[in-house]
């Protein structure tokens, strides 16, 4: 299974920390790749302008792995990421 999600308002560093908290390990110093048991995640970050002069971080995560491992991981990650903004 492969799924790509975008999360606004969090940094790549924070996203990598969340994934580590969910059982992953960094595979590079930049935190671009996190691997867990039966899953991996590739992270990238960019600035987006949703309207006017407002600029937000957007982290794109490409999740790969076994469906049974990914579905709960993505759900738990999304819950953590939604709370990040406040």
C-alpha atoms as a PDB file:
ATOM      1  CA  UNK A   1       0.000   0.000   0.000  1.00  0.00           C
ATOM      2  CA  UNK A   2       1.140   3.550  -0.707  1.00  0.00           C
ATOM      3  CA  UNK A   3      -0.577   6.753   0.375  1.00  0.00           C
ATOM      4  CA  UNK A   4       0.494  10.391   0.200  1.00  0.00           C
ATOM      5  CA  UNK A   5      -0.866  13.003   2.589  1.00  0.00           C
ATOM      6  CA  UNK A   6      -0.218  16.716   3.099  1.00  0.00           C
ATOM      7  CA  UNK A   7      -0.281  18.365   6.508  1.00  0.00           C
ATOM      8  CA  UNK A   8      -0.235  22.143   6.951  1.00  0.00           C
ATOM      9  CA  UNK A   9       0.950  24.059   9.964  1.00  0.00           C
ATOM     10  CA  UNK A  10       3.623  21.610  11.147  1.00  0.00           C
ATOM     11  CA  UNK A  11       7.288  21.363  10.298  1.00  0.00           C
ATOM     12  CA  UNK A  12       9.079  18.378   8.813  1.00  0.00           C
ATOM     13  CA  UNK A  13      11.084  18.123  12.042  1.00  0.00           C
ATOM     14  CA  UNK A  14       7.896  17.883  14.128  1.00  0.00           C
ATOM     15  CA  UNK A  15       6.357  15.362  11.710  1.00  0.00           C
ATOM     16  CA  UNK A  16       9.519  13.227  11.968  1.00  0.00           C
ATOM     17  CA  UNK A  17       9.330  13.426  15.779  1.00  0.00           C
ATOM     18  CA  UNK A  18       5.693  12.280  15.691  1.00  0.00           C
ATOM     19  CA  UNK A  19       6.600   9.339  13.463  1.00  0.00           C
ATOM     20  CA  UNK A  20       9.429   8.403  15.824  1.00  0.00           C
ATOM     21  CA  UNK A  21       6.920   8.487  18.675  1.00  0.00           C
ATOM     22  CA  UNK A  22       4.784   6.048  16.696  1.00  0.00           C
ATOM     23  CA  UNK A  23       7.614   3.521  16.484  1.00  0.00           C
ATOM     24  CA  UNK A  24       9.731   4.793  13.600  1.00  0.00           C
ATOM     25  CA  UNK A  25      13.452   5.441  13.329  1.00  0.00           C
ATOM     26  CA  UNK A  26      15.193   8.138  11.291  1.00  0.00           C
ATOM     27  CA  UNK A  27      17.216   6.766   8.401  1.00  0.00           C
ATOM     28  CA  UNK A  28      18.994  10.043   7.665  1.00  0.00           C
ATOM     29  CA  UNK A  29      20.000  13.096   9.662  1.00  0.00           C
ATOM     30  CA  UNK A  30      17.676  15.426   7.764  1.00  0.00           C
ATOM     31  CA  UNK A  31      14.636  13.374   8.822  1.00  0.00           C
ATOM     32  CA  UNK A  32      13.566  12.815   5.217  1.00  0.00           C
ATOM     33  CA  UNK A  33      12.999   9.083   5.749  1.00  0.00           C
ATOM     34  CA  UNK A  34      11.490   7.347   8.756  1.00  0.00           C
ATOM     35  CA  UNK A  35      11.088   3.566   8.933  1.00  0.00           C
ATOM     36  CA  UNK A  36       9.049   1.449  11.285  1.00  0.00           C
ATOM     37  CA  UNK A  37       8.005  -2.170  11.469  1.00  0.00           C
ATOM     38  CA  UNK A  38       6.321  -2.961   8.122  1.00  0.00           C
ATOM     39  CA  UNK A  39       6.133   0.718   7.068  1.00  0.00           C
ATOM     40  CA  UNK A  40       8.214   3.668   5.899  1.00  0.00           C
ATOM     41  CA  UNK A  41       7.565   7.357   5.358  1.00  0.00           C
ATOM     42  CA  UNK A  42       9.308   9.849   3.060  1.00  0.00           C
ATOM     43  CA  UNK A  43       8.923  13.484   4.129  1.00  0.00           C
ATOM     44  CA  UNK A  44       9.285  16.735   2.218  1.00  0.00           C
ATOM     45  CA  UNK A  45       8.470  20.297   3.229  1.00  0.00           C
ATOM     46  CA  UNK A  46       7.525  23.457   1.388  1.00  0.00           C
ATOM     47  CA  UNK A  47       5.933  26.842   2.014  1.00  0.00           C
ATOM     48  CA  UNK A  48       2.416  27.417   0.705  1.00  0.00           C
ATOM     49  CA  UNK A  49       0.268  30.543   0.421  1.00  0.00           C
ATOM     50  CA  UNK A  50      -3.333  29.474   1.045  1.00  0.00           C
ATOM     51  CA  UNK A  51      -4.568  33.073   0.736  1.00  0.00           C
ATOM     52  CA  UNK A  52      -3.078  36.507   0.423  1.00  0.00           C
ATOM     53  CA  UNK A  53       0.121  37.023   2.337  1.00  0.00           C
ATOM     54  CA  UNK A  54      -0.405  34.083   4.724  1.00  0.00           C
ATOM     55  CA  UNK A  55       2.436  31.564   4.485  1.00  0.00           C
ATOM     56  CA  UNK A  56       2.283  28.111   6.043  1.00  0.00           C
ATOM     57  CA  UNK A  57       4.551  25.093   6.180  1.00  0.00           C
ATOM     58  CA  UNK A  58       3.173  22.082   4.366  1.00  0.00           C
ATOM     59  CA  UNK A  59       4.681  18.669   4.950  1.00  0.00           C
ATOM     60  CA  UNK A  60       4.041  15.961   2.381  1.00  0.00           C
ATOM     61  CA  UNK A  61       4.437  12.410   3.614  1.00  0.00           C
ATOM     62  CA  UNK A  62       4.506   9.403   1.322  1.00  0.00           C
ATOM     63  CA  UNK A  63       3.608   6.393   3.451  1.00  0.00           C
ATOM     64  CA  UNK A  64       4.476   2.908   2.187  1.00  0.00           C
ATOM     65  CA  UNK A  65       3.998  -0.489   3.760  1.00  0.00           C
ATOM     66  CA  UNK A  66       1.569  -3.208   4.635  1.00  0.00           C
ATOM     67  CA  UNK A  67      -2.067  -2.109   4.825  1.00  0.00           C
ATOM     68  CA  UNK A  68      -2.515  -3.538   8.331  1.00  0.00           C
ATOM     69  CA  UNK A  69       0.403  -1.450   9.586  1.00  0.00           C
ATOM     70  CA  UNK A  70      -0.274   1.745   7.609  1.00  0.00           C
ATOM     71  CA  UNK A  71      -3.962   2.366   8.212  1.00  0.00           C
ATOM     72  CA  UNK A  72      -3.694   2.745  12.016  1.00  0.00           C
ATOM     73  CA  UNK A  73      -0.361   4.576  11.710  1.00  0.00           C
ATOM     74  CA  UNK A  74      -1.774   7.198   9.340  1.00  0.00           C
ATOM     75  CA  UNK A  75      -4.835   7.671  11.555  1.00  0.00           C
ATOM     76  CA  UNK A  76      -2.730   8.142  14.709  1.00  0.00           C
ATOM     77  CA  UNK A  77      -0.346  10.487  12.881  1.00  0.00           C
ATOM     78  CA  UNK A  78      -3.225  12.590  11.513  1.00  0.00           C
ATOM     79  CA  UNK A  79      -4.634  12.982  15.041  1.00  0.00           C
ATOM     80  CA  UNK A  80      -1.281  14.206  16.329  1.00  0.00           C
ATOM     81  CA  UNK A  81      -0.802  16.563  13.369  1.00  0.00           C
ATOM     82  CA  UNK A  82      -4.258  18.143  13.792  1.00  0.00           C
ATOM     83  CA  UNK A  83      -3.482  19.017  17.415  1.00  0.00           C
ATOM     84  CA  UNK A  84      -0.162  20.648  16.477  1.00  0.00           C
ATOM     85  CA  UNK A  85      -1.729  23.960  15.515  1.00  0.00           C
ATOM     86  CA  UNK A  86      -3.363  24.645  18.844  1.00  0.00           C
END
